[in-house]
Amino acid sequence: MTPAQKNEAIEILKEKFSQYSNFYITNTESLTVEQVNSLRKLCFEKNVEMKVAKNTLIKKALESFNDNKFSGVYDSLHGVTALMFSESPKEPALILSSFRKNSNGEKPVLKAALIGEDVFVGDNQLANLTKIKTKNELIGEVIGLLQSPAKRVLAALLHHHEEKQGAEAPAAE
């Protein structure tokens, strides 16, 4: 790779790190070409962008931000690395879990994930990452909680209104 190609790759990575507040670092070593293509297809279907890059280029791109939030992922940059970028904090975790289940394997291995400002390091974090609630899920829960008391009040008023109308109805002869 020429210095110009390296600089171009770093710029592309910087753009991705700026664009997405969530990314996963995985080890795709020992996956066959067919498996990697299958993983890429799953990512594409779920709007997750997957990029394979050299660790030194990833590190240089991250270091250019001068942001301490990235320091927790530097130790994960070894071996074969694939990055997964997503708007959703948990979609890449669901993809990795699903891929493993379907292939009866333990690959790809999660090295680290950056979700907003939080760093999750190690493959043992994958199960936790699949349980993260998305913004829409949280909004739905809040709306449900807010609607619940209102629904009870409306039901009570309706019930009271029906009882009152039943008492006012003339008796059938």
N, C-alpha and C. Protein backbone atom coordinates (compact mmCIF):
# COMPACT_ATOMS: atom_id res chain seq x y z
N MET A 1 0.85 -1.18 0.00
CA MET A 1 0.00 0.00 0.00
C MET A 1 0.89 1.24 0.00
N THR A 2 0.63 2.13 -0.91
CA THR A 2 1.43 3.35 -1.00
C THR A 2 1.01 4.34 0.10
N PRO A 3 1.87 5.29 0.43
CA PRO A 3 1.49 6.29 1.43
C PRO A 3 0.19 7.03 1.07
N ALA A 4 -0.01 7.30 -0.20
CA ALA A 4 -1.25 7.97 -0.63
C ALA A 4 -2.47 7.09 -0.37
N GLN A 5 -2.33 5.79 -0.63
CA GLN A 5 -3.43 4.85 -0.39
C GLN A 5 -3.72 4.74 1.11
N LYS A 6 -2.65 4.74 1.92
CA LYS A 6 -2.83 4.69 3.37
C LYS A 6 -3.57 5.92 3.86
N ASN A 7 -3.17 7.09 3.38
CA ASN A 7 -3.83 8.33 3.78
C ASN A 7 -5.29 8.35 3.37
N GLU A 8 -5.57 7.83 2.18
CA GLU A 8 -6.95 7.75 1.71
C GLU A 8 -7.77 6.82 2.61
N ALA A 9 -7.20 5.67 2.96
CA ALA A 9 -7.88 4.72 3.84
C ALA A 9 -8.14 5.33 5.21
N ILE A 10 -7.17 6.07 5.74
CA ILE A 10 -7.34 6.74 7.04
C ILE A 10 -8.46 7.77 6.96
N GLU A 11 -8.51 8.52 5.88
CA GLU A 11 -9.56 9.54 5.71
C GLU A 11 -10.94 8.90 5.64
N ILE A 12 -11.04 7.77 4.94
CA ILE A 12 -12.32 7.05 4.86
C ILE A 12 -12.74 6.57 6.24
N LEU A 13 -11.79 6.02 6.99
CA LEU A 13 -12.10 5.56 8.35
C LEU A 13 -12.50 6.72 9.26
N LYS A 14 -11.79 7.84 9.16
CA LYS A 14 -12.14 9.02 9.96
C LYS A 14 -13.57 9.47 9.68
N GLU A 15 -13.93 9.43 8.41
CA GLU A 15 -15.28 9.81 8.02
C GLU A 15 -16.32 8.89 8.67
N LYS A 16 -16.03 7.59 8.67
CA LYS A 16 -16.96 6.61 9.27
C LYS A 16 -17.05 6.81 10.79
N PHE A 17 -15.91 7.02 11.44
CA PHE A 17 -15.93 7.23 12.89
C PHE A 17 -16.68 8.51 13.25
N SER A 18 -16.63 9.51 12.38
CA SER A 18 -17.37 10.76 12.60
C SER A 18 -18.86 10.58 12.36
N GLN A 19 -19.17 9.77 11.38
CA GLN A 19 -20.56 9.57 10.96
C GLN A 19 -21.35 8.74 11.97
N TYR A 20 -20.71 7.75 12.56
CA TYR A 20 -21.42 6.81 13.44
C TYR A 20 -20.94 6.96 14.89
N SER A 21 -21.88 6.96 15.82
CA SER A 21 -21.50 7.02 17.23
C SER A 21 -21.37 5.61 17.82
N ASN A 22 -21.67 4.60 17.02
CA ASN A 22 -21.56 3.21 17.46
C ASN A 22 -20.73 2.43 16.45
N PHE A 23 -19.74 1.71 16.96
CA PHE A 23 -19.02 0.79 16.08
C PHE A 23 -18.50 -0.39 16.88
N TYR A 24 -18.38 -1.50 16.18
CA TYR A 24 -17.90 -2.75 16.76
C TYR A 24 -16.59 -3.12 16.08
N ILE A 25 -15.68 -3.69 16.86
CA ILE A 25 -14.42 -4.20 16.33
C ILE A 25 -14.46 -5.71 16.52
N THR A 26 -14.38 -6.43 15.40
CA THR A 26 -14.48 -7.89 15.47
C THR A 26 -13.25 -8.55 14.84
N ASN A 27 -13.06 -9.80 15.20
CA ASN A 27 -12.00 -10.61 14.62
C ASN A 27 -12.67 -11.61 13.68
N THR A 28 -12.39 -11.47 12.39
CA THR A 28 -12.98 -12.37 11.40
C THR A 28 -11.98 -13.42 10.92
N GLU A 29 -10.88 -13.54 11.64
CA GLU A 29 -9.85 -14.52 11.29
C GLU A 29 -10.47 -15.92 11.31
N SER A 30 -10.05 -16.74 10.44
CA SER A 30 -10.47 -18.14 10.28
C SER A 30 -11.88 -18.29 9.71
N LEU A 31 -12.51 -17.18 9.31
CA LEU A 31 -13.77 -17.31 8.57
C LEU A 31 -13.43 -17.53 7.10
N THR A 32 -14.21 -18.37 6.46
CA THR A 32 -13.99 -18.61 5.03
C THR A 32 -14.49 -17.39 4.26
N VAL A 33 -14.11 -17.30 3.00
CA VAL A 33 -14.58 -16.21 2.14
C VAL A 33 -16.11 -16.24 2.07
N GLU A 34 -16.66 -17.44 1.97
CA GLU A 34 -18.11 -17.60 1.91
C GLU A 34 -18.77 -17.08 3.19
N GLN A 35 -18.17 -17.37 4.34
CA GLN A 35 -18.72 -16.88 5.62
C GLN A 35 -18.63 -15.37 5.72
N VAL A 36 -17.51 -14.79 5.30
CA VAL A 36 -17.35 -13.33 5.34
C VAL A 36 -18.38 -12.68 4.43
N ASN A 37 -18.59 -13.25 3.25
CA ASN A 37 -19.60 -12.71 2.33
C ASN A 37 -21.00 -12.81 2.92
N SER A 38 -21.27 -13.91 3.60
CA SER A 38 -22.56 -14.09 4.26
C SER A 38 -22.75 -13.04 5.38
N LEU A 39 -21.68 -12.80 6.13
CA LEU A 39 -21.73 -11.79 7.19
C LEU A 39 -21.95 -10.40 6.60
N ARG A 40 -21.27 -10.11 5.52
CA ARG A 40 -21.45 -8.81 4.84
C ARG A 40 -22.90 -8.64 4.36
N LYS A 41 -23.48 -9.72 3.85
CA LYS A 41 -24.86 -9.68 3.37
C LYS A 41 -25.81 -9.39 4.52
N LEU A 42 -25.60 -10.06 5.66
CA LEU A 42 -26.43 -9.81 6.85
C LEU A 42 -26.31 -8.35 7.27
N CYS A 43 -25.11 -7.83 7.28
CA CYS A 43 -24.88 -6.44 7.65
C CYS A 43 -25.62 -5.50 6.71
N PHE A 44 -25.49 -5.76 5.42
CA PHE A 44 -26.14 -4.91 4.42
C PHE A 44 -27.65 -4.89 4.62
N GLU A 45 -28.24 -6.06 4.89
CA GLU A 45 -29.69 -6.16 5.09
C GLU A 45 -30.16 -5.39 6.32
N LYS A 46 -29.29 -5.23 7.29
CA LYS A 46 -29.66 -4.56 8.55
C LYS A 46 -29.09 -3.15 8.66
N ASN A 47 -28.64 -2.58 7.54
CA ASN A 47 -28.08 -1.22 7.51
C ASN A 47 -26.88 -1.05 8.43
N VAL A 48 -26.05 -2.08 8.48
CA VAL A 48 -24.79 -2.02 9.22
C VAL A 48 -23.67 -2.05 8.19
N GLU A 49 -22.77 -1.10 8.30
CA GLU A 49 -21.68 -1.01 7.34
C GLU A 49 -20.47 -1.76 7.89
N MET A 50 -19.95 -2.69 7.11
CA MET A 50 -18.80 -3.50 7.54
C MET A 50 -17.58 -3.14 6.70
N LYS A 51 -16.48 -2.85 7.37
CA LYS A 51 -15.22 -2.51 6.69
C LYS A 51 -14.10 -3.33 7.31
N VAL A 52 -13.24 -3.89 6.47
CA VAL A 52 -12.04 -4.57 6.93
C VAL A 52 -10.89 -3.60 6.71
N ALA A 53 -10.08 -3.42 7.75
CA ALA A 53 -8.97 -2.46 7.64
C ALA A 53 -7.80 -2.93 8.48
N LYS A 54 -6.64 -2.39 8.15
CA LYS A 54 -5.44 -2.70 8.93
C LYS A 54 -5.52 -1.99 10.27
N ASN A 55 -5.06 -2.67 11.29
CA ASN A 55 -5.12 -2.13 12.65
C ASN A 55 -4.38 -0.80 12.79
N THR A 56 -3.22 -0.69 12.15
CA THR A 56 -2.45 0.56 12.27
C THR A 56 -3.21 1.73 11.66
N LEU A 57 -3.94 1.49 10.56
CA LEU A 57 -4.71 2.55 9.93
C LEU A 57 -5.92 2.93 10.79
N ILE A 58 -6.54 1.94 11.40
CA ILE A 58 -7.67 2.21 12.30
C ILE A 58 -7.19 3.07 13.46
N LYS A 59 -6.06 2.67 14.04
CA LYS A 59 -5.53 3.41 15.20
C LYS A 59 -5.17 4.85 14.82
N LYS A 60 -4.54 5.03 13.67
CA LYS A 60 -4.18 6.38 13.23
C LYS A 60 -5.43 7.23 13.01
N ALA A 61 -6.47 6.63 12.44
CA ALA A 61 -7.72 7.37 12.22
C ALA A 61 -8.34 7.78 13.55
N LEU A 62 -8.35 6.87 14.52
CA LEU A 62 -8.91 7.18 15.83
C LEU A 62 -8.07 8.21 16.58
N GLU A 63 -6.75 8.07 16.51
CA GLU A 63 -5.86 9.00 17.21
C GLU A 63 -6.00 10.43 16.67
N SER A 64 -6.38 10.56 15.41
CA SER A 64 -6.50 11.90 14.82
C SER A 64 -7.60 12.73 15.48
N PHE A 65 -8.52 12.08 16.20
CA PHE A 65 -9.60 12.80 16.86
C PHE A 65 -9.17 13.39 18.20
N ASN A 66 -8.03 12.95 18.74
CA ASN A 66 -7.57 13.40 20.06
C ASN A 66 -8.67 13.30 21.11
N ASP A 67 -9.36 12.17 21.09
CA ASP A 67 -10.48 11.96 22.00
C ASP A 67 -10.18 10.73 22.87
N ASN A 68 -10.21 10.92 24.17
CA ASN A 68 -9.90 9.82 25.09
C ASN A 68 -10.90 8.68 25.05
N LYS A 69 -12.11 8.93 24.53
CA LYS A 69 -13.10 7.85 24.51
C LYS A 69 -12.65 6.67 23.66
N PHE A 70 -11.74 6.90 22.72
CA PHE A 70 -11.25 5.83 21.86
C PHE A 70 -10.13 5.01 22.48
N SER A 71 -9.51 5.53 23.52
CA SER A 71 -8.34 4.86 24.10
C SER A 71 -8.64 3.44 24.57
N GLY A 72 -9.86 3.17 24.96
CA GLY A 72 -10.23 1.84 25.44
C GLY A 72 -10.26 0.78 24.36
N VAL A 73 -10.26 1.19 23.11
CA VAL A 73 -10.32 0.19 22.03
C VAL A 73 -8.97 -0.11 21.41
N TYR A 74 -7.95 0.67 21.72
CA TYR A 74 -6.64 0.46 21.09
C TYR A 74 -6.06 -0.93 21.34
N ASP A 75 -6.24 -1.46 22.55
CA ASP A 75 -5.70 -2.79 22.86
C ASP A 75 -6.39 -3.90 22.06
N SER A 76 -7.53 -3.59 21.49
CA SER A 76 -8.27 -4.58 20.70
C SER A 76 -7.83 -4.64 19.25
N LEU A 77 -6.94 -3.74 18.88
CA LEU A 77 -6.52 -3.67 17.48
C LEU A 77 -5.32 -4.59 17.22
N HIS A 78 -5.63 -5.85 17.04
CA HIS A 78 -4.63 -6.87 16.71
C HIS A 78 -5.34 -7.96 15.92
N GLY A 79 -4.58 -8.74 15.19
CA GLY A 79 -5.17 -9.80 14.38
C GLY A 79 -5.97 -9.21 13.21
N VAL A 80 -6.81 -10.04 12.62
CA VAL A 80 -7.65 -9.60 11.50
C VAL A 80 -8.83 -8.83 12.08
N THR A 81 -9.02 -7.61 11.58
CA THR A 81 -10.04 -6.75 12.15
C THR A 81 -11.07 -6.32 11.12
N ALA A 82 -12.32 -6.47 11.50
CA ALA A 82 -13.43 -5.95 10.71
C ALA A 82 -14.20 -4.99 11.60
N LEU A 83 -14.54 -3.85 11.05
CA LEU A 83 -15.31 -2.84 11.78
C LEU A 83 -16.77 -2.92 11.32
N MET A 84 -17.68 -2.75 12.26
CA MET A 84 -19.10 -2.72 11.95
C MET A 84 -19.65 -1.39 12.46
N PHE A 85 -20.14 -0.56 11.54
CA PHE A 85 -20.67 0.75 11.88
C PHE A 85 -22.19 0.72 11.79
N SER A 86 -22.85 1.33 12.79
CA SER A 86 -24.31 1.29 12.79
C SER A 86 -24.89 2.46 13.56
N GLU A 87 -26.06 2.91 13.13
CA GLU A 87 -26.81 3.90 13.90
C GLU A 87 -27.38 3.25 15.16
N SER A 88 -27.72 1.98 15.04
CA SER A 88 -28.29 1.23 16.16
C SER A 88 -27.18 0.69 17.05
N PRO A 89 -27.29 0.87 18.36
CA PRO A 89 -26.24 0.37 19.23
C PRO A 89 -26.21 -1.15 19.35
N LYS A 90 -27.34 -1.80 19.06
CA LYS A 90 -27.35 -3.25 19.27
C LYS A 90 -27.43 -4.09 18.00
N GLU A 91 -27.72 -3.49 16.86
CA GLU A 91 -27.87 -4.28 15.63
C GLU A 91 -26.64 -5.12 15.29
N PRO A 92 -25.41 -4.56 15.38
CA PRO A 92 -24.24 -5.41 15.11
C PRO A 92 -24.14 -6.60 16.07
N ALA A 93 -24.51 -6.40 17.33
CA ALA A 93 -24.48 -7.51 18.30
C ALA A 93 -25.47 -8.59 17.91
N LEU A 94 -26.65 -8.17 17.47
CA LEU A 94 -27.66 -9.15 17.03
C LEU A 94 -27.18 -9.90 15.79
N ILE A 95 -26.51 -9.20 14.89
CA ILE A 95 -25.98 -9.84 13.68
C ILE A 95 -24.92 -10.87 14.06
N LEU A 96 -23.99 -10.48 14.93
CA LEU A 96 -22.93 -11.40 15.34
C LEU A 96 -23.51 -12.63 16.03
N SER A 97 -24.46 -12.42 16.93
CA SER A 97 -25.09 -13.54 17.65
C SER A 97 -25.82 -14.47 16.69
N SER A 98 -26.57 -13.89 15.77
CA SER A 98 -27.33 -14.66 14.79
C SER A 98 -26.39 -15.44 13.88
N PHE A 99 -25.33 -14.78 13.42
CA PHE A 99 -24.36 -15.43 12.54
C PHE A 99 -23.72 -16.63 13.23
N ARG A 100 -23.34 -16.45 14.49
CA ARG A 100 -22.72 -17.55 15.25
C ARG A 100 -23.69 -18.70 15.40
N LYS A 101 -24.93 -18.38 15.73
CA LYS A 101 -25.94 -19.41 15.96
C LYS A 101 -26.16 -20.22 14.68
N ASN A 102 -26.27 -19.52 13.55
CA ASN A 102 -26.52 -20.19 12.28
C ASN A 102 -25.33 -21.00 11.78
N SER A 103 -24.11 -20.60 12.17
CA SER A 103 -22.92 -21.32 11.71
C SER A 103 -22.37 -22.26 12.78
N ASN A 104 -23.07 -22.35 13.90
CA ASN A 104 -22.63 -23.20 15.02
C ASN A 104 -21.17 -22.96 15.39
N GLY A 105 -20.81 -21.70 15.42
CA GLY A 105 -19.41 -21.37 15.73
C GLY A 105 -19.30 -20.26 16.76
N GLU A 106 -18.06 -19.87 17.02
CA GLU A 106 -17.79 -18.80 17.97
C GLU A 106 -17.14 -17.61 17.27
N LYS A 107 -17.21 -17.62 15.95
CA LYS A 107 -16.63 -16.54 15.16
C LYS A 107 -17.75 -15.82 14.44
N PRO A 108 -17.60 -14.57 14.16
CA PRO A 108 -16.51 -13.68 14.52
C PRO A 108 -16.53 -13.32 16.00
N VAL A 109 -15.35 -13.04 16.50
CA VAL A 109 -15.18 -12.72 17.92
C VAL A 109 -15.29 -11.21 18.09
N LEU A 110 -16.04 -10.80 19.10
CA LEU A 110 -16.13 -9.37 19.41
C LEU A 110 -14.89 -8.98 20.19
N LYS A 111 -14.14 -8.03 19.65
CA LYS A 111 -12.95 -7.52 20.36
C LYS A 111 -13.35 -6.36 21.26
N ALA A 112 -14.12 -5.43 20.69
CA ALA A 112 -14.56 -4.26 21.46
C ALA A 112 -15.71 -3.60 20.72
N ALA A 113 -16.42 -2.75 21.44
CA ALA A 113 -17.49 -1.96 20.84
C ALA A 113 -17.51 -0.60 21.52
N LEU A 114 -17.77 0.41 20.75
CA LEU A 114 -17.95 1.75 21.29
C LEU A 114 -19.39 2.13 21.01
N ILE A 115 -20.15 2.31 22.09
CA ILE A 115 -21.55 2.68 21.99
C ILE A 115 -21.68 4.05 22.64
N GLY A 116 -21.84 5.06 21.81
CA GLY A 116 -21.86 6.44 22.31
C GLY A 116 -20.51 6.78 22.92
N GLU A 117 -20.48 6.91 24.23
CA GLU A 117 -19.24 7.22 24.95
C GLU A 117 -18.69 6.00 25.69
N ASP A 118 -19.43 4.89 25.68
CA ASP A 118 -19.07 3.71 26.47
C ASP A 118 -18.33 2.67 25.64
N VAL A 119 -17.26 2.12 26.22
CA VAL A 119 -16.47 1.09 25.55
C VAL A 119 -16.75 -0.25 26.21
N PHE A 120 -17.04 -1.24 25.40
CA PHE A 120 -17.26 -2.61 25.86
C PHE A 120 -16.14 -3.45 25.27
N VAL A 121 -15.34 -4.08 26.11
CA VAL A 121 -14.18 -4.83 25.64
C VAL A 121 -14.37 -6.32 25.94
N GLY A 122 -14.14 -7.12 24.92
CA GLY A 122 -14.15 -8.57 25.09
C GLY A 122 -15.40 -9.23 24.55
N ASP A 123 -15.23 -10.45 24.12
CA ASP A 123 -16.32 -11.22 23.54
C ASP A 123 -17.42 -11.52 24.55
N ASN A 124 -17.06 -11.53 25.83
CA ASN A 124 -18.05 -11.81 26.87
C ASN A 124 -19.09 -10.69 26.99
N GLN A 125 -18.88 -9.56 26.34
CA GLN A 125 -19.82 -8.43 26.37
C GLN A 125 -20.92 -8.55 25.32
N LEU A 126 -20.80 -9.50 24.42
CA LEU A 126 -21.75 -9.61 23.31
C LEU A 126 -23.19 -9.79 23.80
N ALA A 127 -23.39 -10.66 24.76
CA ALA A 127 -24.75 -10.88 25.28
C ALA A 127 -25.34 -9.60 25.87
N ASN A 128 -24.52 -8.82 26.58
CA ASN A 128 -25.00 -7.55 27.14
C ASN A 128 -25.38 -6.57 26.04
N LEU A 129 -24.60 -6.55 24.98
CA LEU A 129 -24.85 -5.60 23.88
C LEU A 129 -26.14 -5.93 23.12
N THR A 130 -26.53 -7.20 23.10
CA THR A 130 -27.78 -7.57 22.42
C THR A 130 -28.99 -7.09 23.21
N LYS A 131 -28.80 -6.76 24.48
CA LYS A 131 -29.91 -6.33 25.35
C LYS A 131 -30.05 -4.81 25.44
N ILE A 132 -29.14 -4.08 24.82
CA ILE A 132 -29.23 -2.62 24.85
C ILE A 132 -30.53 -2.20 24.18
N LYS A 133 -31.20 -1.25 24.77
CA LYS A 133 -32.44 -0.75 24.19
C LYS A 133 -32.12 0.40 23.23
N THR A 134 -32.76 0.35 22.07
CA THR A 134 -32.58 1.42 21.10
C THR A 134 -33.40 2.63 21.52
N LYS A 135 -33.14 3.74 20.90
CA LYS A 135 -33.87 4.98 21.20
C LYS A 135 -35.37 4.78 21.01
N ASN A 136 -35.75 4.13 19.91
CA ASN A 136 -37.18 3.91 19.65
C ASN A 136 -37.82 2.98 20.67
N GLU A 137 -37.08 1.97 21.13
CA GLU A 137 -37.61 1.08 22.16
C GLU A 137 -37.83 1.84 23.47
N LEU A 138 -36.88 2.70 23.83
CA LEU A 138 -37.03 3.50 25.04
C LEU A 138 -38.19 4.47 24.94
N ILE A 139 -38.34 5.11 23.79
CA ILE A 139 -39.46 6.03 23.58
C ILE A 139 -40.79 5.27 23.70
N GLY A 140 -40.85 4.09 23.10
CA GLY A 140 -42.05 3.27 23.19
C GLY A 140 -42.41 2.91 24.62
N GLU A 141 -41.40 2.56 25.41
CA GLU A 141 -41.64 2.23 26.82
C GLU A 141 -42.16 3.44 27.59
N VAL A 142 -41.56 4.61 27.36
CA VAL A 142 -42.00 5.82 28.05
C VAL A 142 -43.44 6.16 27.66
N ILE A 143 -43.75 6.07 26.38
CA ILE A 143 -45.12 6.36 25.93
C ILE A 143 -46.10 5.38 26.57
N GLY A 144 -45.71 4.11 26.61
CA GLY A 144 -46.56 3.10 27.26
C GLY A 144 -46.80 3.41 28.72
N LEU A 145 -45.74 3.84 29.42
CA LEU A 145 -45.88 4.19 30.83
C LEU A 145 -46.77 5.42 31.01
N LEU A 146 -46.61 6.38 30.12
CA LEU A 146 -47.43 7.59 30.21
C LEU A 146 -48.89 7.31 29.87
N GLN A 147 -49.14 6.41 28.94
CA GLN A 147 -50.50 6.09 28.52
C GLN A 147 -51.23 5.25 29.55
N SER A 148 -50.53 4.44 30.29
CA SER A 148 -51.15 3.52 31.22
C SER A 148 -52.06 4.21 32.22
N PRO A 149 -51.62 5.24 32.96
CA PRO A 149 -52.52 5.91 33.90
C PRO A 149 -53.69 6.58 33.19
N ALA A 150 -53.45 7.15 32.03
CA ALA A 150 -54.52 7.82 31.29
C ALA A 150 -55.58 6.80 30.86
N LYS A 151 -55.15 5.63 30.45
CA LYS A 151 -56.10 4.59 30.04
C LYS A 151 -56.96 4.15 31.22
N ARG A 152 -56.33 4.03 32.40
CA ARG A 152 -57.10 3.63 33.59
C ARG A 152 -58.14 4.70 33.94
N VAL A 153 -57.76 5.97 33.86
CA VAL A 153 -58.69 7.06 34.17
C VAL A 153 -59.85 7.05 33.17
N LEU A 154 -59.53 6.92 31.89
CA LEU A 154 -60.58 6.88 30.87
C LEU A 154 -61.51 5.68 31.08
N ALA A 155 -60.94 4.53 31.40
CA ALA A 155 -61.76 3.34 31.63
C ALA A 155 -62.67 3.55 32.84
N ALA A 156 -62.15 4.15 33.89
CA ALA A 156 -62.96 4.40 35.09
C ALA A 156 -64.08 5.39 34.77
N LEU A 157 -63.78 6.45 34.02
CA LEU A 157 -64.80 7.44 33.65
C LEU A 157 -65.87 6.80 32.77
N LEU A 158 -65.45 6.01 31.82
CA LEU A 158 -66.39 5.33 30.93
C LEU A 158 -67.28 4.39 31.73
N HIS A 159 -66.68 3.63 32.63
CA HIS A 159 -67.43 2.70 33.48
C HIS A 159 -68.44 3.48 34.33
N HIS A 160 -68.01 4.58 34.92
CA HIS A 160 -68.88 5.42 35.76
C HIS A 160 -70.03 5.99 34.92
N HIS A 161 -69.72 6.44 33.70
CA HIS A 161 -70.72 7.01 32.81
C HIS A 161 -71.76 5.94 32.43
N GLU A 162 -71.30 4.72 32.14
CA GLU A 162 -72.22 3.64 31.78
C GLU A 162 -73.11 3.26 32.95
N GLU A 163 -72.56 3.23 34.16
CA GLU A 163 -73.35 2.92 35.35
C GLU A 163 -74.42 3.98 35.56
N LYS A 164 -74.05 5.23 35.38
CA LYS A 164 -74.95 6.35 35.58
C LYS A 164 -76.08 6.28 34.56
N GLN A 165 -75.76 5.99 33.30
CA GLN A 165 -76.79 5.88 32.26
C GLN A 165 -77.70 4.70 32.52
N GLY A 166 -77.15 3.61 33.03
CA GLY A 166 -77.94 2.43 33.34
C GLY A 166 -78.93 2.72 34.46
N ALA A 167 -78.55 3.55 35.43
CA ALA A 167 -79.42 3.87 36.55
C ALA A 167 -80.52 4.85 36.12
N GLU A 168 -80.25 5.68 35.11
CA GLU A 168 -81.22 6.67 34.66
C GLU A 168 -82.21 6.06 33.67
N ALA A 169 -81.91 4.94 33.09
CA ALA A 169 -82.79 4.34 32.10
C ALA A 169 -84.10 3.94 32.76
N PRO A 170 -85.23 4.20 32.06
CA PRO A 170 -86.51 3.82 32.65
C PRO A 170 -86.63 2.31 32.74
N ALA A 171 -87.29 1.86 33.74
CA ALA A 171 -87.46 0.42 33.96
C ALA A 171 -88.42 -0.11 32.91
N ALA A 172 -88.11 -1.25 32.37
CA ALA A 172 -88.96 -1.88 31.34
C ALA A 172 -90.16 -2.50 32.04
N GLU A 173 -91.36 -2.31 31.46
CA GLU A 173 -92.57 -2.85 32.09
C GLU A 173 -93.01 -4.08 31.42
